Amino acid sequence: FFEVLGVYTLVAFIRRKPDAVFMAKSIAVLFLISNIMTLFTGDFAESGVGSPINRVISIGWSIVYFCYFSFSDKVKDLIPEETRKVTWKNWLIVAVVPVLWLSVFFITFFLLLLAA
């Protein structure tokens, strides 16, 4: 799910689309939430995400990237705040990805409970 958003955001930045910064910030927030959920569930070895310290580092990088896209002069020069726009399609994309991810997460979780 995140790969598709990442490619869309990269293309949006290359084309300097008005929604690029919003999408980049959204990805950072989605990664933050994903890493926090993985940290709390404790499925490190089974899910292949490595150790808890890797999740904490990923949480830190998510915060760094969100701050970069929020406060960087380079980002403001590339896509000025006056030209940025967020459409309902952007909100729909950002809303669908967590719903899909959570659906897969809970279905997997319940299937593992039933198998145990």
C-alpha atoms as a PDB file:
ATOM      1  CA  PHE A   1       0.000   0.000   0.000  1.00  0.00           C
ATOM      2  CA  PHE A   2       2.733   2.410   0.965  1.00  0.00           C
ATOM      3  CA  GLU A   3       4.693   1.749  -2.206  1.00  0.00           C
ATOM      4  CA  VAL A   4       1.839   3.003  -4.391  1.00  0.00           C
ATOM      5  CA  LEU A   5       1.519   6.172  -2.307  1.00  0.00           C
ATOM      6  CA  GLY A   6       5.281   6.653  -2.455  1.00  0.00           C
ATOM      7  CA  VAL A   7       5.397   6.424  -6.245  1.00  0.00           C
ATOM      8  CA  TYR A   8       2.408   8.775  -6.558  1.00  0.00           C
ATOM      9  CA  THR A   9       4.086  11.287  -4.239  1.00  0.00           C
ATOM     10  CA  LEU A  10       7.409  11.066  -6.078  1.00  0.00           C
ATOM     11  CA  VAL A  11       5.696  11.721  -9.407  1.00  0.00           C
ATOM     12  CA  ALA A  12       3.735  14.579  -7.807  1.00  0.00           C
ATOM     13  CA  PHE A  13       6.992  16.217  -6.637  1.00  0.00           C
ATOM     14  CA  ILE A  14       8.649  15.752 -10.027  1.00  0.00           C
ATOM     15  CA  ARG A  15       5.659  17.403 -11.709  1.00  0.00           C
ATOM     16  CA  ARG A  16       5.383  19.947  -8.861  1.00  0.00           C
ATOM     17  CA  LYS A  17       1.748  19.143  -8.311  1.00  0.00           C
ATOM     18  CA  PRO A  18      -0.094  21.147  -5.645  1.00  0.00           C
ATOM     19  CA  ASP A  19      -0.858  18.036  -3.569  1.00  0.00           C
ATOM     20  CA  ALA A  20       2.710  16.698  -3.337  1.00  0.00           C
ATOM     21  CA  VAL A  21       3.509  18.119   0.104  1.00  0.00           C
ATOM     22  CA  PHE A  22       0.210  16.900   1.561  1.00  0.00           C
ATOM     23  CA  MET A  23       0.828  13.407   0.237  1.00  0.00           C
ATOM     24  CA  ALA A  24       4.400  13.365   1.574  1.00  0.00           C
ATOM     25  CA  LYS A  25       3.233  14.431   5.035  1.00  0.00           C
ATOM     26  CA  SER A  26       0.464  11.845   4.889  1.00  0.00           C
ATOM     27  CA  ILE A  27       2.929   9.071   4.100  1.00  0.00           C
ATOM     28  CA  ALA A  28       5.082  10.118   7.046  1.00  0.00           C
ATOM     29  CA  VAL A  29       2.049   9.987   9.361  1.00  0.00           C
ATOM     30  CA  LEU A  30       0.935   6.617   7.971  1.00  0.00           C
ATOM     31  CA  PHE A  31       4.424   5.179   8.497  1.00  0.00           C
ATOM     32  CA  LEU A  32       4.420   6.570  12.026  1.00  0.00           C
ATOM     33  CA  ILE A  33       1.090   4.916  12.834  1.00  0.00           C
ATOM     34  CA  SER A  34       2.155   1.658  11.191  1.00  0.00           C
ATOM     35  CA  ASN A  35       5.390   1.509  13.160  1.00  0.00           C
ATOM     36  CA  ILE A  36       3.673   2.329  16.436  1.00  0.00           C
ATOM     37  CA  MET A  37       1.106  -0.424  15.840  1.00  0.00           C
ATOM     38  CA  THR A  38       3.864  -2.911  15.042  1.00  0.00           C
ATOM     39  CA  LEU A  39       5.746  -1.827  18.150  1.00  0.00           C
ATOM     40  CA  PHE A  40       2.710  -2.453  20.365  1.00  0.00           C
ATOM     41  CA  THR A  41       1.696  -5.778  18.813  1.00  0.00           C
ATOM     42  CA  GLY A  42       5.150  -7.276  19.327  1.00  0.00           C
ATOM     43  CA  ASP A  43       5.136  -9.385  16.127  1.00  0.00           C
ATOM     44  CA  PHE A  44       8.733  -8.595  15.248  1.00  0.00           C
ATOM     45  CA  ALA A  45      10.162 -11.962  14.256  1.00  0.00           C
ATOM     46  CA  GLU A  46       6.933 -13.296  12.769  1.00  0.00           C
ATOM     47  CA  SER A  47       6.199 -10.224  10.651  1.00  0.00           C
ATOM     48  CA  GLY A  48       9.770  -9.836   9.423  1.00  0.00           C
ATOM     49  CA  VAL A  49      10.132  -6.224  10.518  1.00  0.00           C
ATOM     50  CA  GLY A  50      13.179  -6.801  12.668  1.00  0.00           C
ATOM     51  CA  SER A  51      13.741  -5.750  16.237  1.00  0.00           C
ATOM     52  CA  PRO A  52      11.860  -3.220  18.371  1.00  0.00           C
ATOM     53  CA  ILE A  53      14.806  -0.830  18.058  1.00  0.00           C
ATOM     54  CA  ASN A  54      14.274  -0.818  14.263  1.00  0.00           C
ATOM     55  CA  ARG A  55      10.668   0.267  14.813  1.00  0.00           C
ATOM     56  CA  VAL A  56      11.756   3.054  17.180  1.00  0.00           C
ATOM     57  CA  ILE A  57      14.297   4.251  14.599  1.00  0.00           C
ATOM     58  CA  SER A  58      11.582   4.187  11.911  1.00  0.00           C
ATOM     59  CA  ILE A  59       9.297   6.214  14.182  1.00  0.00           C
ATOM     60  CA  GLY A  60      12.072   8.777  14.553  1.00  0.00           C
ATOM     61  CA  TRP A  61      12.586   8.984  10.782  1.00  0.00           C
ATOM     62  CA  SER A  62       8.857   9.438  10.231  1.00  0.00           C
ATOM     63  CA  ILE A  63       8.916  12.431  12.575  1.00  0.00           C
ATOM     64  CA  VAL A  64      12.020  13.839  10.865  1.00  0.00           C
ATOM     65  CA  TYR A  65      10.447  13.589   7.406  1.00  0.00           C
ATOM     66  CA  PHE A  66       7.171  15.115   8.572  1.00  0.00           C
ATOM     67  CA  CYS A  67       9.075  18.065  10.059  1.00  0.00           C
ATOM     68  CA  TYR A  68      11.170  18.398   6.892  1.00  0.00           C
ATOM     69  CA  PHE A  69       8.105  18.613   4.669  1.00  0.00           C
ATOM     70  CA  SER A  70       6.480  21.029   7.126  1.00  0.00           C
ATOM     71  CA  PHE A  71       9.338  23.472   7.724  1.00  0.00           C
ATOM     72  CA  SER A  72      11.936  23.094   4.960  1.00  0.00           C
ATOM     73  CA  ASP A  73      12.727  26.163   2.866  1.00  0.00           C
ATOM     74  CA  LYS A  74      13.635  23.883  -0.045  1.00  0.00           C
ATOM     75  CA  VAL A  75      10.158  22.357  -0.031  1.00  0.00           C
ATOM     76  CA  LYS A  76       8.588  25.824   0.254  1.00  0.00           C
ATOM     77  CA  ASP A  77      10.654  27.000  -2.733  1.00  0.00           C
ATOM     78  CA  LEU A  78       9.800  23.932  -4.795  1.00  0.00           C
ATOM     79  CA  ILE A  79       6.066  24.077  -4.069  1.00  0.00           C
ATOM     80  CA  PRO A  80       5.097  27.415  -2.492  1.00  0.00           C
ATOM     81  CA  GLU A  81       2.395  27.303   0.168  1.00  0.00           C
ATOM     82  CA  GLU A  82       0.162  29.580  -1.914  1.00  0.00           C
ATOM     83  CA  THR A  83       0.003  26.981  -4.701  1.00  0.00           C
ATOM     84  CA  ARG A  84      -0.662  23.946  -2.501  1.00  0.00           C
ATOM     85  CA  LYS A  85      -4.110  22.405  -2.746  1.00  0.00           C
ATOM     86  CA  VAL A  86      -5.666  19.346  -1.197  1.00  0.00           C
ATOM     87  CA  THR A  87      -8.598  17.774  -2.990  1.00  0.00           C
ATOM     88  CA  TRP A  88     -11.182  15.284  -1.848  1.00  0.00           C
ATOM     89  CA  LYS A  89      -9.304  12.676  -3.918  1.00  0.00           C
ATOM     90  CA  ASN A  90      -6.228  13.202  -1.751  1.00  0.00           C
ATOM     91  CA  TRP A  91      -8.248  12.710   1.404  1.00  0.00           C
ATOM     92  CA  LEU A  92      -9.863   9.608  -0.099  1.00  0.00           C
ATOM     93  CA  ILE A  93      -6.484   8.096  -0.963  1.00  0.00           C
ATOM     94  CA  VAL A  94      -5.124   8.841   2.488  1.00  0.00           C
ATOM     95  CA  ALA A  95      -8.233   7.369   4.136  1.00  0.00           C
ATOM     96  CA  VAL A  96      -8.384   4.206   2.032  1.00  0.00           C
ATOM     97  CA  VAL A  97      -4.801   3.107   2.656  1.00  0.00           C
ATOM     98  CA  PRO A  98      -5.107   2.829   6.459  1.00  0.00           C
ATOM     99  CA  VAL A  99      -8.490   1.142   6.131  1.00  0.00           C
ATOM    100  CA  LEU A 100      -7.019  -1.475   3.799  1.00  0.00           C
ATOM    101  CA  TRP A 101      -3.953  -1.888   5.993  1.00  0.00           C
ATOM    102  CA  LEU A 102      -6.029  -2.241   9.165  1.00  0.00           C
ATOM    103  CA  SER A 103      -8.348  -4.712   7.443  1.00  0.00           C
ATOM    104  CA  VAL A 104      -5.426  -6.917   6.440  1.00  0.00           C
ATOM    105  CA  PHE A 105      -3.917  -6.517   9.921  1.00  0.00           C
ATOM    106  CA  PHE A 106      -7.084  -7.561  11.771  1.00  0.00           C
ATOM    107  CA  ILE A 107      -7.954 -10.383   9.366  1.00  0.00           C
ATOM    108  CA  THR A 108      -4.452 -11.790   9.792  1.00  0.00           C
ATOM    109  CA  PHE A 109      -4.622 -11.331  13.554  1.00  0.00           C
ATOM    110  CA  PHE A 110      -7.944 -13.164  13.845  1.00  0.00           C
ATOM    111  CA  LEU A 111      -6.822 -15.948  11.493  1.00  0.00           C
ATOM    112  CA  LEU A 112      -3.755 -16.444  13.675  1.00  0.00           C
ATOM    113  CA  LEU A 113      -5.976 -16.585  16.757  1.00  0.00           C
ATOM    114  CA  LEU A 114      -8.211 -19.187  15.131  1.00  0.00           C
ATOM    115  CA  ALA A 115      -5.217 -21.263  14.058  1.00  0.00           C
ATOM    116  CA  ALA A 116      -3.767 -21.303  17.589  1.00  0.00           C
END
